[in-house]
C-alpha atoms as a PDB file:
ATOM      1  CA  MET A   1       0.000   0.000   0.000  1.00  0.00           C
ATOM      2  CA  VAL A   2       1.441   3.380  -1.048  1.00  0.00           C
ATOM      3  CA  GLU A   3       0.855   5.977   1.670  1.00  0.00           C
ATOM      4  CA  VAL A   4       0.502   9.552   0.404  1.00  0.00           C
ATOM      5  CA  LEU A   5       0.569  13.031   1.954  1.00  0.00           C
ATOM      6  CA  LEU A   6      -1.182  15.758  -0.094  1.00  0.00           C
ATOM      7  CA  VAL A   7       0.256  19.287   0.107  1.00  0.00           C
ATOM      8  CA  ASP A   8      -1.673  22.133  -1.523  1.00  0.00           C
ATOM      9  CA  ASP A   9      -3.042  25.395  -0.145  1.00  0.00           C
ATOM     10  CA  HIS A  10      -6.379  24.951  -1.953  1.00  0.00           C
ATOM     11  CA  THR A  11      -8.822  22.690  -0.139  1.00  0.00           C
ATOM     12  CA  LEU A  12     -10.785  21.969  -3.317  1.00  0.00           C
ATOM     13  CA  VAL A  13      -7.634  20.780  -5.111  1.00  0.00           C
ATOM     14  CA  ARG A  14      -6.692  18.476  -2.230  1.00  0.00           C
ATOM     15  CA  THR A  15     -10.223  17.092  -2.137  1.00  0.00           C
ATOM     16  CA  GLY A  16     -10.142  16.341  -5.853  1.00  0.00           C
ATOM     17  CA  ILE A  17      -6.753  14.635  -5.707  1.00  0.00           C
ATOM     18  CA  ARG A  18      -7.789  12.648  -2.640  1.00  0.00           C
ATOM     19  CA  HIS A  19     -10.890  11.395  -4.461  1.00  0.00           C
ATOM     20  CA  ILE A  20      -8.806  10.288  -7.461  1.00  0.00           C
ATOM     21  CA  LEU A  21      -6.220   8.489  -5.343  1.00  0.00           C
ATOM     22  CA  GLU A  22      -8.664   6.813  -2.996  1.00  0.00           C
ATOM     23  CA  GLU A  23     -10.426   5.288  -6.003  1.00  0.00           C
ATOM     24  CA  ALA A  24      -7.150   3.702  -7.120  1.00  0.00           C
ATOM     25  CA  PRO A  25      -6.071   0.322  -5.759  1.00  0.00           C
ATOM     26  CA  GLY A  26      -2.920   0.218  -3.688  1.00  0.00           C
ATOM     27  CA  ILE A  27      -2.914   3.914  -2.718  1.00  0.00           C
ATOM     28  CA  ARG A  28      -3.987   5.428   0.592  1.00  0.00           C
ATOM     29  CA  VAL A  29      -4.030   9.140   1.481  1.00  0.00           C
ATOM     30  CA  ILE A  30      -2.848   9.407   5.071  1.00  0.00           C
ATOM     31  CA  GLY A  31      -2.883  13.173   5.482  1.00  0.00           C
ATOM     32  CA  GLU A  32      -3.121  16.658   4.028  1.00  0.00           C
ATOM     33  CA  ALA A  33      -1.263  19.933   4.527  1.00  0.00           C
ATOM     34  CA  ALA A  34      -1.971  23.467   3.309  1.00  0.00           C
ATOM     35  CA  SER A  35       1.609  24.795   3.357  1.00  0.00           C
ATOM     36  CA  GLY A  36       5.209  23.691   3.200  1.00  0.00           C
ATOM     37  CA  GLU A  37       5.637  24.352   6.916  1.00  0.00           C
ATOM     38  CA  GLU A  38       2.584  22.254   7.781  1.00  0.00           C
ATOM     39  CA  ALA A  39       3.842  19.451   5.552  1.00  0.00           C
ATOM     40  CA  LEU A  40       7.241  19.458   7.274  1.00  0.00           C
ATOM     41  CA  GLU A  41       5.547  19.307  10.662  1.00  0.00           C
ATOM     42  CA  ARG A  42       3.309  16.423   9.546  1.00  0.00           C
ATOM     43  CA  VAL A  43       6.315  14.460   8.337  1.00  0.00           C
ATOM     44  CA  ARG A  44       8.171  15.149  11.593  1.00  0.00           C
ATOM     45  CA  SER A  45       5.256  14.297  13.877  1.00  0.00           C
ATOM     46  CA  ASP A  46       3.621  11.430  11.961  1.00  0.00           C
ATOM     47  CA  GLY A  47       6.648  10.000  10.199  1.00  0.00           C
ATOM     48  CA  PRO A  48       7.371  10.163   6.470  1.00  0.00           C
ATOM     49  CA  PRO A  49       4.794   8.741   4.045  1.00  0.00           C
ATOM     50  CA  ASP A  50       5.883   6.878   0.920  1.00  0.00           C
ATOM     51  CA  ILE A  51       5.070   9.794  -1.393  1.00  0.00           C
ATOM     52  CA  VAL A  52       4.369  13.491  -0.926  1.00  0.00           C
ATOM     53  CA  VAL A  53       2.305  15.222  -3.617  1.00  0.00           C
ATOM     54  CA  MET A  54       3.623  18.779  -3.487  1.00  0.00           C
ATOM     55  CA  ASP A  55       2.272  22.053  -4.860  1.00  0.00           C
ATOM     56  CA  VAL A  56       4.774  24.819  -5.703  1.00  0.00           C
ATOM     57  CA  ASN A  57       3.271  28.220  -4.910  1.00  0.00           C
ATOM     58  CA  MET A  58       1.950  28.232  -1.355  1.00  0.00           C
ATOM     59  CA  PRO A  59       2.043  30.635   1.588  1.00  0.00           C
ATOM     60  CA  GLY A  60       5.289  30.675   3.545  1.00  0.00           C
ATOM     61  CA  ILE A  61       8.321  28.755   2.310  1.00  0.00           C
ATOM     62  CA  GLY A  62       6.443  27.155  -0.603  1.00  0.00           C
ATOM     63  CA  GLY A  63       7.003  23.833  -2.306  1.00  0.00           C
ATOM     64  CA  LEU A  64      10.608  24.288  -3.420  1.00  0.00           C
ATOM     65  CA  GLU A  65      12.053  24.904   0.034  1.00  0.00           C
ATOM     66  CA  ALA A  66       9.705  22.344   1.621  1.00  0.00           C
ATOM     67  CA  THR A  67      10.896  19.691  -0.837  1.00  0.00           C
ATOM     68  CA  ARG A  68      14.534  20.516  -0.178  1.00  0.00           C
ATOM     69  CA  LYS A  69      14.068  20.368   3.606  1.00  0.00           C
ATOM     70  CA  MET A  70      11.985  17.183   3.532  1.00  0.00           C
ATOM     71  CA  LEU A  71      14.468  15.274   1.422  1.00  0.00           C
ATOM     72  CA  ALA A  72      17.436  16.528   3.430  1.00  0.00           C
ATOM     73  CA  SER A  73      15.883  14.951   6.537  1.00  0.00           C
ATOM     74  CA  ASN A  74      14.250  11.960   4.800  1.00  0.00           C
ATOM     75  CA  PRO A  75      16.324  10.938   1.747  1.00  0.00           C
ATOM     76  CA  GLU A  76      14.154   7.874   1.094  1.00  0.00           C
ATOM     77  CA  LEU A  77      11.014   9.988   0.805  1.00  0.00           C
ATOM     78  CA  LYS A  78       9.600  10.446  -2.706  1.00  0.00           C
ATOM     79  CA  VAL A  79       8.135  13.782  -3.826  1.00  0.00           C
ATOM     80  CA  ILE A  80       5.866  14.277  -6.831  1.00  0.00           C
ATOM     81  CA  VAL A  81       5.227  17.901  -7.746  1.00  0.00           C
ATOM     82  CA  LEU A  82       1.750  18.746  -9.027  1.00  0.00           C
ATOM     83  CA  SER A  83       1.659  22.350 -10.236  1.00  0.00           C
ATOM     84  CA  ILE A  84       0.064  24.728 -12.704  1.00  0.00           C
ATOM     85  CA  HIS A  85       3.585  25.790 -13.716  1.00  0.00           C
ATOM     86  CA  ALA A  86       4.868  23.901 -16.742  1.00  0.00           C
ATOM     87  CA  SER A  87       7.790  26.141 -17.643  1.00  0.00           C
ATOM     88  CA  ASP A  88      11.153  26.675 -16.010  1.00  0.00           C
ATOM     89  CA  PRO A  89      12.550  27.504 -13.569  1.00  0.00           C
ATOM     90  CA  TYR A  90      10.119  25.426 -11.505  1.00  0.00           C
ATOM     91  CA  PRO A  91      10.517  21.952 -13.091  1.00  0.00           C
ATOM     92  CA  SER A  92      14.314  21.999 -13.229  1.00  0.00           C
ATOM     93  CA  ARG A  93      14.681  23.514  -9.757  1.00  0.00           C
ATOM     94  CA  LEU A  94      12.295  21.024  -8.133  1.00  0.00           C
ATOM     95  CA  LEU A  95      14.084  18.127  -9.796  1.00  0.00           C
ATOM     96  CA  GLU A  96      17.430  19.552  -8.635  1.00  0.00           C
ATOM     97  CA  ALA A  97      15.972  19.679  -5.123  1.00  0.00           C
ATOM     98  CA  GLY A  98      15.285  15.946  -5.356  1.00  0.00           C
ATOM     99  CA  ALA A  99      11.688  15.581  -6.556  1.00  0.00           C
ATOM    100  CA  GLN A 100      11.146  12.300  -8.401  1.00  0.00           C
ATOM    101  CA  GLY A 101       8.152  13.451 -10.409  1.00  0.00           C
ATOM    102  CA  TYR A 102       6.628  16.578 -11.909  1.00  0.00           C
ATOM    103  CA  LEU A 103       3.122  16.799 -13.360  1.00  0.00           C
ATOM    104  CA  THR A 104       0.956  19.730 -14.345  1.00  0.00           C
ATOM    105  CA  LYS A 105      -2.521  20.153 -12.901  1.00  0.00           C
ATOM    106  CA  ASP A 106      -4.164  19.627 -16.270  1.00  0.00           C
ATOM    107  CA  CYS A 107      -3.050  15.987 -16.275  1.00  0.00           C
ATOM    108  CA  SER A 108      -5.604  13.189 -16.037  1.00  0.00           C
ATOM    109  CA  GLY A 109      -6.417  11.194 -12.931  1.00  0.00           C
ATOM    110  CA  ASP A 110      -5.019   8.092 -14.612  1.00  0.00           C
ATOM    111  CA  GLU A 111      -1.695   9.861 -15.162  1.00  0.00           C
ATOM    112  CA  ILE A 112      -1.458  10.855 -11.500  1.00  0.00           C
ATOM    113  CA  VAL A 113      -2.050   7.263 -10.423  1.00  0.00           C
ATOM    114  CA  ASP A 114       0.435   5.951 -12.996  1.00  0.00           C
ATOM    115  CA  ALA A 115       3.027   8.451 -11.775  1.00  0.00           C
ATOM    116  CA  MET A 116       2.469   7.283  -8.187  1.00  0.00           C
ATOM    117  CA  HIS A 117       3.173   3.659  -9.017  1.00  0.00           C
ATOM    118  CA  ARG A 118       6.165   4.444 -11.220  1.00  0.00           C
ATOM    119  CA  VAL A 119       7.795   6.688  -8.640  1.00  0.00           C
ATOM    120  CA  GLN A 120       7.120   4.173  -5.878  1.00  0.00           C
ATOM    121  CA  ASN A 121       8.912   1.589  -8.020  1.00  0.00           C
ATOM    122  CA  GLY A 122      11.983   3.786  -8.244  1.00  0.00           C
ATOM    123  CA  GLU A 123      11.356   5.481 -11.588  1.00  0.00           C
ATOM    124  CA  ARG A 124      11.254   9.196 -12.317  1.00  0.00           C
ATOM    125  CA  TYR A 125       8.053  10.511 -13.891  1.00  0.00           C
ATOM    126  CA  LEU A 126       7.596  13.714 -15.879  1.00  0.00           C
ATOM    127  CA  SER A 127       4.559  14.912 -17.794  1.00  0.00           C
ATOM    128  CA  ALA A 128       5.208  14.794 -21.535  1.00  0.00           C
ATOM    129  CA  ASP A 129       5.317  18.588 -21.876  1.00  0.00           C
ATOM    130  CA  ILE A 130       7.744  18.897 -18.968  1.00  0.00           C
ATOM    131  CA  ALA A 131      10.037  16.210 -20.371  1.00  0.00           C
ATOM    132  CA  ARG A 132       9.999  17.842 -23.810  1.00  0.00           C
ATOM    133  CA  GLN A 133      10.816  21.269 -22.399  1.00  0.00           C
ATOM    134  CA  LEU A 134      13.703  19.976 -20.296  1.00  0.00           C
ATOM    135  CA  ALA A 135      15.081  17.997 -23.239  1.00  0.00           C
ATOM    136  CA  ASP A 136      14.942  21.064 -25.493  1.00  0.00           C
ATOM    137  CA  SER A 137      16.737  23.142 -22.863  1.00  0.00           C
ATOM    138  CA  LEU A 138      19.423  20.487 -22.409  1.00  0.00           C
ATOM    139  CA  LEU A 139      20.007  20.073 -26.129  1.00  0.00           C
ATOM    140  CA  SER A 140      20.175  23.809 -26.796  1.00  0.00           C
ATOM    141  CA  GLY A 141      22.496  24.387 -23.861  1.00  0.00           C
ATOM    142  CA  LYS A 142      20.931  27.789 -23.377  1.00  0.00           C
ATOM    143  CA  LYS A 143      19.313  29.443 -20.377  1.00  0.00           C
ATOM    144  CA  ASN A 144      15.954  30.986 -21.168  1.00  0.00           C
ATOM    145  CA  SER A 145      16.061  34.000 -18.859  1.00  0.00           C
ATOM    146  CA  PRO A 146      18.104  35.632 -16.078  1.00  0.00           C
ATOM    147  CA  ILE A 147      15.944  33.711 -13.593  1.00  0.00           C
ATOM    148  CA  ASP A 148      17.643  30.520 -14.751  1.00  0.00           C
ATOM    149  CA  GLN A 149      20.963  31.998 -13.631  1.00  0.00           C
ATOM    150  CA  LEU A 150      19.816  32.482 -10.035  1.00  0.00           C
ATOM    151  CA  SER A 151      21.138  30.218  -7.319  1.00  0.00           C
ATOM    152  CA  GLN A 152      18.701  27.980  -5.469  1.00  0.00           C
ATOM    153  CA  ARG A 153      18.774  30.283  -2.442  1.00  0.00           C
ATOM    154  CA  GLU A 154      18.367  33.434  -4.554  1.00  0.00           C
ATOM    155  CA  LEU A 155      15.321  31.940  -6.239  1.00  0.00           C
ATOM    156  CA  GLN A 156      13.818  30.922  -2.895  1.00  0.00           C
ATOM    157  CA  VAL A 157      14.244  34.429  -1.501  1.00  0.00           C
ATOM    158  CA  MET A 158      12.723  35.879  -4.677  1.00  0.00           C
ATOM    159  CA  LEU A 159       9.685  33.607  -4.425  1.00  0.00           C
ATOM    160  CA  MET A 160       9.065  34.708  -0.846  1.00  0.00           C
ATOM    161  CA  ILE A 161       9.533  38.397  -1.648  1.00  0.00           C
ATOM    162  CA  ILE A 162       7.017  38.302  -4.496  1.00  0.00           C
ATOM    163  CA  GLN A 163       4.501  36.695  -2.144  1.00  0.00           C
ATOM    164  CA  GLY A 164       4.750  39.865  -0.047  1.00  0.00           C
ATOM    165  CA  HIS A 165       6.798  38.477   2.842  1.00  0.00           C
ATOM    166  CA  SER A 166       9.009  40.803   4.887  1.00  0.00           C
ATOM    167  CA  VAL A 167      12.765  40.464   5.249  1.00  0.00           C
ATOM    168  CA  GLN A 168      12.279  39.416   8.881  1.00  0.00           C
ATOM    169  CA  PHE A 169       9.719  36.757   7.938  1.00  0.00           C
ATOM    170  CA  ILE A 170      12.049  35.328   5.284  1.00  0.00           C
ATOM    171  CA  SER A 171      14.933  35.450   7.760  1.00  0.00           C
ATOM    172  CA  ASP A 172      12.941  33.461  10.333  1.00  0.00           C
ATOM    173  CA  LYS A 173      11.661  30.880   7.851  1.00  0.00           C
ATOM    174  CA  LEU A 174      14.977  30.246   6.073  1.00  0.00           C
ATOM    175  CA  PHE A 175      17.164  30.541   9.191  1.00  0.00           C
ATOM    176  CA  LEU A 176      19.179  33.372   7.662  1.00  0.00           C
ATOM    177  CA  SER A 177      20.124  36.697   9.202  1.00  0.00           C
ATOM    178  CA  PRO A 178      18.096  39.719   8.044  1.00  0.00           C
ATOM    179  CA  LYS A 179      21.341  41.171   6.668  1.00  0.00           C
ATOM    180  CA  THR A 180      21.887  38.065   4.535  1.00  0.00           C
ATOM    181  CA  VAL A 181      18.319  38.200   3.227  1.00  0.00           C
ATOM    182  CA  SER A 182      18.773  41.873   2.347  1.00  0.00           C
ATOM    183  CA  THR A 183      21.983  41.005   0.505  1.00  0.00           C
ATOM    184  CA  TYR A 184      20.129  38.367  -1.541  1.00  0.00           C
ATOM    185  CA  ARG A 185      17.363  40.881  -2.208  1.00  0.00           C
ATOM    186  CA  HIS A 186      19.696  43.531  -3.623  1.00  0.00           C
ATOM    187  CA  ARG A 187      21.576  40.891  -5.604  1.00  0.00           C
ATOM    188  CA  LEU A 188      18.255  39.918  -7.189  1.00  0.00           C
ATOM    189  CA  PHE A 189      17.598  43.530  -8.168  1.00  0.00           C
ATOM    190  CA  GLN A 190      20.989  43.683  -9.870  1.00  0.00           C
ATOM    191  CA  LYS A 191      20.733  40.349 -11.679  1.00  0.00           C
ATOM    192  CA  LEU A 192      17.186  40.902 -12.930  1.00  0.00           C
ATOM    193  CA  GLY A 193      17.523  44.603 -13.687  1.00  0.00           C
ATOM    194  CA  VAL A 194      14.774  45.841 -11.351  1.00  0.00           C
ATOM    195  CA  GLU A 195      14.822  48.643  -8.793  1.00  0.00           C
ATOM    196  CA  ASN A 196      12.506  47.484  -6.018  1.00  0.00           C
ATOM    197  CA  ASP A 197      10.077  44.816  -4.834  1.00  0.00           C
ATOM    198  CA  VAL A 198       7.300  46.047  -7.109  1.00  0.00           C
ATOM    199  CA  GLY A 199       9.609  45.691 -10.094  1.00  0.00           C
ATOM    200  CA  LEU A 200      10.593  42.236  -8.903  1.00  0.00           C
ATOM    201  CA  THR A 201       6.936  41.239  -8.598  1.00  0.00           C
ATOM    202  CA  ARG A 202       6.122  42.556 -12.066  1.00  0.00           C
ATOM    203  CA  TYR A 203       9.103  40.639 -13.444  1.00  0.00           C
ATOM    204  CA  ALA A 204       7.856  37.470 -11.757  1.00  0.00           C
ATOM    205  CA  ILE A 205       4.354  37.923 -13.175  1.00  0.00           C
ATOM    206  CA  ARG A 206       5.735  38.377 -16.704  1.00  0.00           C
ATOM    207  CA  HIS A 207       7.733  35.171 -16.373  1.00  0.00           C
ATOM    208  CA  GLY A 208       4.888  33.111 -14.903  1.00  0.00           C
ATOM    209  CA  LEU A 209       6.264  32.680 -11.388  1.00  0.00           C
ATOM    210  CA  LEU A 210       3.022  33.737  -9.698  1.00  0.00           C
ATOM    211  CA  ASP A 211      -0.316  31.940  -9.887  1.00  0.00           C
ATOM    212  CA  GLU A 212      -2.047  35.324  -9.945  1.00  0.00           C
ATOM    213  CA  PRO A 213      -0.977  38.973  -9.588  1.00  0.00           C
ATOM    214  CA  LEU A 214      -0.573  40.270  -6.053  1.00  0.00           C
ATOM    215  CA  ASP A 215      -1.523  43.719  -4.865  1.00  0.00           C
ATOM    216  CA  GLU A 216       1.704  45.402  -5.859  1.00  0.00           C
ATOM    217  CA  SER A 217       1.659  48.158  -3.260  1.00  0.00           C
ATOM    218  CA  GLY A 218       1.080  45.561  -0.546  1.00  0.00           C
ATOM    219  CA  ALA A 219       3.927  43.402  -1.829  1.00  0.00           C
ATOM    220  CA  GLN A 220       6.262  46.364  -1.800  1.00  0.00           C
ATOM    221  CA  ASP A 221       5.235  47.599   1.618  1.00  0.00           C
ATOM    222  CA  GLN A 222       5.612  44.222   3.279  1.00  0.00           C
ATOM    223  CA  ALA A 223       8.807  43.117   1.583  1.00  0.00           C
ATOM    224  CA  SER A 224      10.689  46.322   2.092  1.00  0.00           C
ATOM    225  CA  HIS A 225      10.510  46.330   5.879  1.00  0.00           C
END
């Protein structure tokens, strides 16, 4: 029996995935979480499941950092990312963090179940469009945008800034000093050619890093303190 933890900040999405998986033989959903932090706590308190189905954009640390932390503590754990984001940098960065699968949310229920069994058997599973994109990028040897040049930590800080989180919040969540977070923040401005948090958020929206636009003034006000 494959035991699964579902991680997504939308209750309706978790309910739908749970229904699909509970109809499939050999799969049992043992828990749900609405954030990366909650997922980490569930794994710590209840023990690791066989597979974690992980969303990417969520409040707090999000799916990228949660995946990295989970696998650092539980290397045998398997993570399948289920996201609306089909384009880089998300697929490549999640796979670099150790995820064994990446599917988009427009996949079928049968594909999710198939991915579960394949990953549980030690295979890696990618949706066809994800695999094609990664192959094209590898063959061309080119990076698509300055975002691809960011380090893993720079990208994580960027993702938290564009969600409107303050420097202190990011410092607490990532166990970094506020000074270090501020250094990453200004390095992001330089690398991406923006002047402030609003510019960073607009850049992220243009490159598909946000599920939906945030209130830009709110993002700036929160992230700049």
